[in-house]
Protein backbone atom coordinates (compact mmCIF):
# COMPACT_ATOMS: atom_id res chain seq x y z
CA UNK A 1 51.25 37.18 13.59
CA UNK A 2 49.89 40.29 16.02
CA UNK A 3 50.45 41.24 19.10
CA UNK A 4 52.90 39.27 22.09
CA UNK A 5 52.57 35.33 22.63
CA UNK A 6 51.12 33.71 25.92
CA UNK A 7 53.50 33.50 28.32
CA UNK A 8 53.37 29.70 29.64
CA UNK A 9 52.99 28.31 32.99
CA UNK A 10 56.61 27.64 34.30
CA UNK A 11 55.59 24.17 34.96
CA UNK A 12 54.61 23.49 31.62
CA UNK A 13 58.09 23.75 30.69
CA UNK A 14 58.95 20.55 32.45
CA UNK A 15 59.26 16.85 31.28
CA UNK A 16 55.51 15.56 30.53
CA UNK A 17 54.39 12.07 29.98
CA UNK A 18 51.48 11.14 27.88
CA UNK A 19 49.94 8.12 26.01
CA UNK A 20 46.99 6.62 24.68
CA UNK A 21 45.84 3.27 26.00
CA UNK A 22 45.60 3.56 30.08
CA UNK A 23 43.23 0.80 30.89
CA UNK A 24 42.70 2.27 34.30
CA UNK A 25 43.57 4.52 37.40
CA UNK A 26 45.93 1.81 38.72
CA UNK A 27 48.35 1.96 35.43
CA UNK A 28 48.49 5.54 36.07
CA UNK A 29 49.24 4.93 39.94
CA UNK A 30 51.78 2.50 39.12
CA UNK A 31 53.45 4.38 36.40
CA UNK A 32 53.62 7.39 38.82
CA UNK A 33 55.08 5.42 41.85
CA UNK A 34 57.97 3.79 39.25
CA UNK A 35 58.67 7.07 37.73
CA UNK A 36 59.56 8.51 41.16
CA UNK A 37 61.34 5.60 42.00
CA UNK A 38 63.48 5.40 39.13
CA UNK A 39 64.36 9.01 39.64
CA UNK A 40 63.12 9.96 36.18
CA UNK A 41 62.41 13.59 35.87
CA UNK A 42 58.62 13.92 35.40
CA UNK A 43 56.71 17.36 36.19
CA UNK A 44 53.44 16.74 34.23
CA UNK A 45 51.26 13.60 33.80
CA UNK A 46 48.50 13.22 30.91
CA UNK A 47 45.20 11.22 30.90
CA UNK A 48 43.93 10.74 27.10
CA UNK A 49 40.39 9.70 26.49
CA UNK A 50 40.82 6.35 27.97
CA UNK A 51 39.44 8.13 31.32
CA UNK A 52 36.26 8.82 29.15
CA UNK A 53 33.11 6.74 29.93
CA UNK A 54 32.73 6.00 25.99
CA UNK A 55 34.64 8.94 25.17
CA UNK A 56 32.39 11.54 26.26
CA UNK A 57 33.73 14.64 27.74
CA UNK A 58 32.94 15.29 31.14
CA UNK A 59 31.98 11.75 31.99
CA UNK A 60 34.60 9.42 34.11
CA UNK A 61 34.94 6.14 33.33
CA UNK A 62 34.08 3.43 35.71
CA UNK A 63 37.83 1.73 35.65
CA UNK A 64 38.79 5.57 36.52
CA UNK A 65 36.75 6.41 39.29
CA UNK A 66 40.30 6.59 41.59
CA UNK A 67 41.45 9.05 39.40
CA UNK A 68 40.11 11.61 40.96
CA UNK A 69 42.02 10.98 44.56
CA UNK A 70 45.12 9.70 42.42
CA UNK A 71 45.67 13.49 40.73
CA UNK A 72 44.64 15.11 44.47
CA UNK A 73 47.92 13.16 45.73
CA UNK A 74 49.75 13.82 42.69
CA UNK A 75 49.12 17.58 42.91
CA UNK A 76 49.59 17.42 46.51
CA UNK A 77 53.41 15.90 45.86
CA UNK A 78 54.25 18.60 43.41
CA UNK A 79 53.07 17.24 39.87
CA UNK A 80 50.80 18.56 37.51
CA UNK A 81 47.84 16.94 35.53
CA UNK A 82 46.18 17.75 32.48
CA UNK A 83 43.20 16.06 30.76
CA UNK A 84 42.38 15.85 27.10
CA UNK A 85 38.48 17.46 26.05
CA UNK A 86 37.13 16.82 22.25
CA UNK A 87 34.65 19.64 20.96
CA UNK A 88 32.62 17.03 19.20
CA UNK A 89 29.46 16.23 21.99
CA UNK A 90 27.70 12.87 21.38
CA UNK A 91 23.97 13.49 20.82
CA UNK A 92 22.82 9.90 21.31
CA UNK A 93 22.73 9.07 25.16
CA UNK A 94 19.88 7.09 27.00
CA UNK A 95 20.40 9.10 29.95
CA UNK A 96 21.01 12.63 30.56
CA UNK A 97 23.76 13.75 29.27
CA UNK A 98 24.41 17.70 30.69
CA UNK A 99 27.13 18.74 28.26
CA UNK A 100 24.70 17.81 25.25
CA UNK A 101 21.19 18.83 27.00
CA UNK A 102 22.27 22.27 27.99
CA UNK A 103 23.98 22.83 24.72
CA UNK A 104 20.94 21.99 23.25
CA UNK A 105 19.20 24.65 25.33
CA UNK A 106 21.47 27.33 24.80
CA UNK A 107 21.54 26.70 21.01
CA UNK A 108 25.41 26.25 20.84
CA UNK A 109 25.88 23.73 18.34
CA UNK A 110 26.51 24.33 14.45
CA UNK A 111 23.41 23.83 12.14
CA UNK A 112 22.46 24.22 8.79
CA UNK A 113 21.81 27.81 7.15
CA UNK A 114 17.92 28.60 8.17
CA UNK A 115 16.65 28.45 4.41
CA UNK A 116 18.26 25.04 3.85
CA UNK A 117 17.16 23.22 7.51
CA UNK A 118 16.75 23.95 11.13
CA UNK A 119 19.12 20.61 12.00
CA UNK A 120 22.42 20.43 13.72
CA UNK A 121 25.38 19.38 11.06
CA UNK A 122 26.14 15.87 12.39
CA UNK A 123 29.16 14.34 12.72
CA UNK A 124 31.00 11.19 14.13
CA UNK A 125 34.06 11.18 16.18
CA UNK A 126 35.33 9.43 19.19
CA UNK A 127 32.01 9.01 21.37
CA UNK A 128 30.58 5.42 21.16
CA UNK A 129 26.62 4.85 20.90
CA UNK A 130 25.63 3.53 24.82
CA UNK A 131 25.36 0.09 25.46
CA UNK A 132 27.45 -1.07 22.37
CA UNK A 133 30.57 -3.49 22.96
CA UNK A 134 32.69 -2.35 19.86
CA UNK A 135 34.02 -5.52 17.72
CA UNK A 136 37.83 -4.07 16.85
CA UNK A 137 38.00 -6.84 14.46
CA UNK A 138 35.88 -5.05 11.62
CA UNK A 139 37.50 -2.14 9.56
CA UNK A 140 37.82 1.23 10.84
CA UNK A 141 34.93 2.58 8.68
CA UNK A 142 32.49 0.17 9.39
CA UNK A 143 33.24 0.78 13.36
CA UNK A 144 32.43 4.32 12.75
CA UNK A 145 29.16 3.55 10.59
CA UNK A 146 27.98 0.92 13.63
CA UNK A 147 29.34 2.40 16.83
CA UNK A 148 29.88 6.02 16.80
CA UNK A 149 27.35 7.84 17.85
CA UNK A 150 25.76 11.24 16.09
CA UNK A 151 27.95 14.23 17.76
CA UNK A 152 27.48 17.82 17.47
CA UNK A 153 30.23 20.68 16.91
CA UNK A 154 29.98 23.69 19.13
CA UNK A 155 30.31 27.05 17.62
CA UNK A 156 32.71 28.85 19.61
CA UNK A 157 32.72 32.04 18.07
CA UNK A 158 29.40 32.44 19.72
CA UNK A 159 29.45 34.14 23.40
CA UNK A 160 26.48 31.70 24.62
CA UNK A 161 28.76 28.92 23.44
CA UNK A 162 31.48 30.13 25.17
CA UNK A 163 29.71 30.79 28.53
CA UNK A 164 28.48 27.21 28.30
CA UNK A 165 32.20 25.66 27.84
CA UNK A 166 33.08 27.37 30.75
CA UNK A 167 30.29 25.98 32.55
CA UNK A 168 30.73 22.32 31.64
CA UNK A 169 34.49 22.96 32.61
CA UNK A 170 33.80 24.29 35.89
CA UNK A 171 31.22 21.71 36.72
CA UNK A 172 33.79 19.11 35.68
CA UNK A 173 37.08 20.69 37.79
CA UNK A 174 34.65 21.22 40.99
CA UNK A 175 32.47 18.18 40.80
CA UNK A 176 34.41 15.50 39.38
CA UNK A 177 38.07 16.09 39.87
CA UNK A 178 40.88 19.05 39.73
CA UNK A 179 43.31 20.01 37.25
CA UNK A 180 46.11 21.98 36.08
CA UNK A 181 45.96 22.12 32.19
CA UNK A 182 43.71 20.95 29.32
CA UNK A 183 44.29 19.48 25.95
CA UNK A 184 42.09 20.40 23.64
CA UNK A 185 42.20 18.25 20.49
CA UNK A 186 40.34 17.21 17.50
CA UNK A 187 39.36 20.74 16.81
CA UNK A 188 40.36 20.99 13.26
CA UNK A 189 37.61 20.31 13.23
CA UNK A 190 38.06 16.60 12.77
CA UNK A 191 35.23 14.15 12.17
CA UNK A 192 34.98 10.44 11.07
CA UNK A 193 32.80 10.91 8.42
CA UNK A 194 33.22 13.49 4.78
CA UNK A 195 30.83 16.41 5.76
CA UNK A 196 28.33 14.90 8.10
CA UNK A 197 26.22 11.76 8.52
CA UNK A 198 25.41 10.36 5.30
CA UNK A 199 27.94 12.63 3.51
CA UNK A 200 25.28 14.54 1.55
CA UNK A 201 26.23 18.00 2.54
CA UNK A 202 23.05 20.89 1.72
CA UNK A 203 23.46 23.77 -0.59
CA UNK A 204 25.81 24.46 -2.92
CA UNK A 205 28.43 21.76 -3.87
CA UNK A 206 31.01 24.32 -5.09
CA UNK A 207 32.31 25.19 -1.10
CA UNK A 208 33.00 21.50 -0.89
CA UNK A 209 34.32 21.21 -4.25
CA UNK A 210 35.64 24.06 -5.34
CA UNK A 211 37.14 24.71 -8.56
CA UNK A 212 40.83 24.95 -6.96
CA UNK A 213 41.89 22.38 -4.58
CA UNK A 214 45.25 22.23 -2.74
CA UNK A 215 47.27 19.24 -4.15
CA UNK A 216 45.89 17.06 -1.44
CA UNK A 217 45.92 12.70 -1.20
CA UNK A 218 42.15 13.41 -0.64
CA UNK A 219 41.62 16.08 -2.95
CA UNK A 220 39.12 13.92 -4.91
CA UNK A 221 36.85 13.92 -1.61
CA UNK A 222 36.66 17.74 -1.34
CA UNK A 223 37.39 20.00 1.24
CA UNK A 224 35.08 18.28 3.54
CA UNK A 225 37.08 15.06 3.61
CA UNK A 226 37.21 13.98 7.69
CA UNK A 227 35.72 17.55 8.68
CA UNK A 228 32.31 19.44 8.40
CA UNK A 229 30.54 20.50 5.44
CA UNK A 230 31.57 23.90 4.20
CA UNK A 231 28.27 25.14 3.97
CA UNK A 232 27.42 24.78 7.29
CA UNK A 233 26.74 27.94 9.25
CA UNK A 234 28.32 29.24 12.39
CA UNK A 235 27.98 32.96 13.81
CA UNK A 236 30.29 35.34 15.06
CA UNK A 237 30.49 37.28 18.74
CA UNK A 238 28.32 40.01 17.13
CA UNK A 239 25.54 37.49 15.32
CA UNK A 240 26.64 37.87 11.78
CA UNK A 241 26.22 34.52 10.05
CA UNK A 242 29.27 33.22 8.27
CA UNK A 243 29.60 29.65 6.12
CA UNK A 244 31.90 27.46 7.94
CA UNK A 245 34.28 27.57 4.54
CA UNK A 246 34.95 31.03 5.67
CA UNK A 247 36.24 30.27 9.16
CA UNK A 248 37.43 26.26 9.06
CA UNK A 249 40.99 27.49 9.68
CA UNK A 250 39.66 29.38 12.88
CA UNK A 251 37.95 26.63 14.36
CA UNK A 252 40.84 25.57 16.61
CA UNK A 253 41.54 29.08 17.70
CA UNK A 254 37.79 29.79 18.61
CA UNK A 255 37.96 26.43 20.79
CA UNK A 256 41.34 27.86 22.47
CA UNK A 257 39.89 30.99 23.16
CA UNK A 258 37.22 30.11 25.93
CA UNK A 259 38.98 27.49 26.94
CA UNK A 260 42.08 29.58 27.87
CA UNK A 261 39.46 32.16 29.45
């Protein structure tokens, strides 16, 4: 470790409540009322991906249209509120989706090396295809194949990506709802497919299946198990191209830096 740790906000040391599975904003409002009535220590409330329309970053679900007003009331009464954001951005939208559309214009998403392809290295994470009803009785891998949209991973090392990410967060804060903190998740980066959609990584296989593999349960699948192809190309802030293989363990940090700033 180099340097001093970040000094956390005082309120972040308080009692916090978070879970996956809130059905709507009424459930959170009732929880808030009951917690306060019971006198249970309670300083911070979270919202997981439930609040998003089809798990899309920066898009509020129809069942949570009352959440902005609830958050304003809770914050006015001394509470703090934290929302989750994932790095993967859906690409299969049938209506304009500013987070992806602006990201595509600014060229912020991770692609293959140019000598192999100029395409984005597509993954699949939480966002669903538009207009589908997920059959949760089928197995997980089938759900991913049938219902999950193609997703692009931002290259957070690049300055233009940081600028794009700052703007998306600012628009969400000023035009959708206020918050006190952000919970950034799935930034290993995590994917629900191995390497890329279709699971055919381009370029030398040695980066995905190196001579030495850690003794992982998934070692037979290689380093791209539930993440990106190792030959995906990223760029440092000075423009230097690097393989994802060389910076994989820095992806979470690279996501944290522009979020914090």
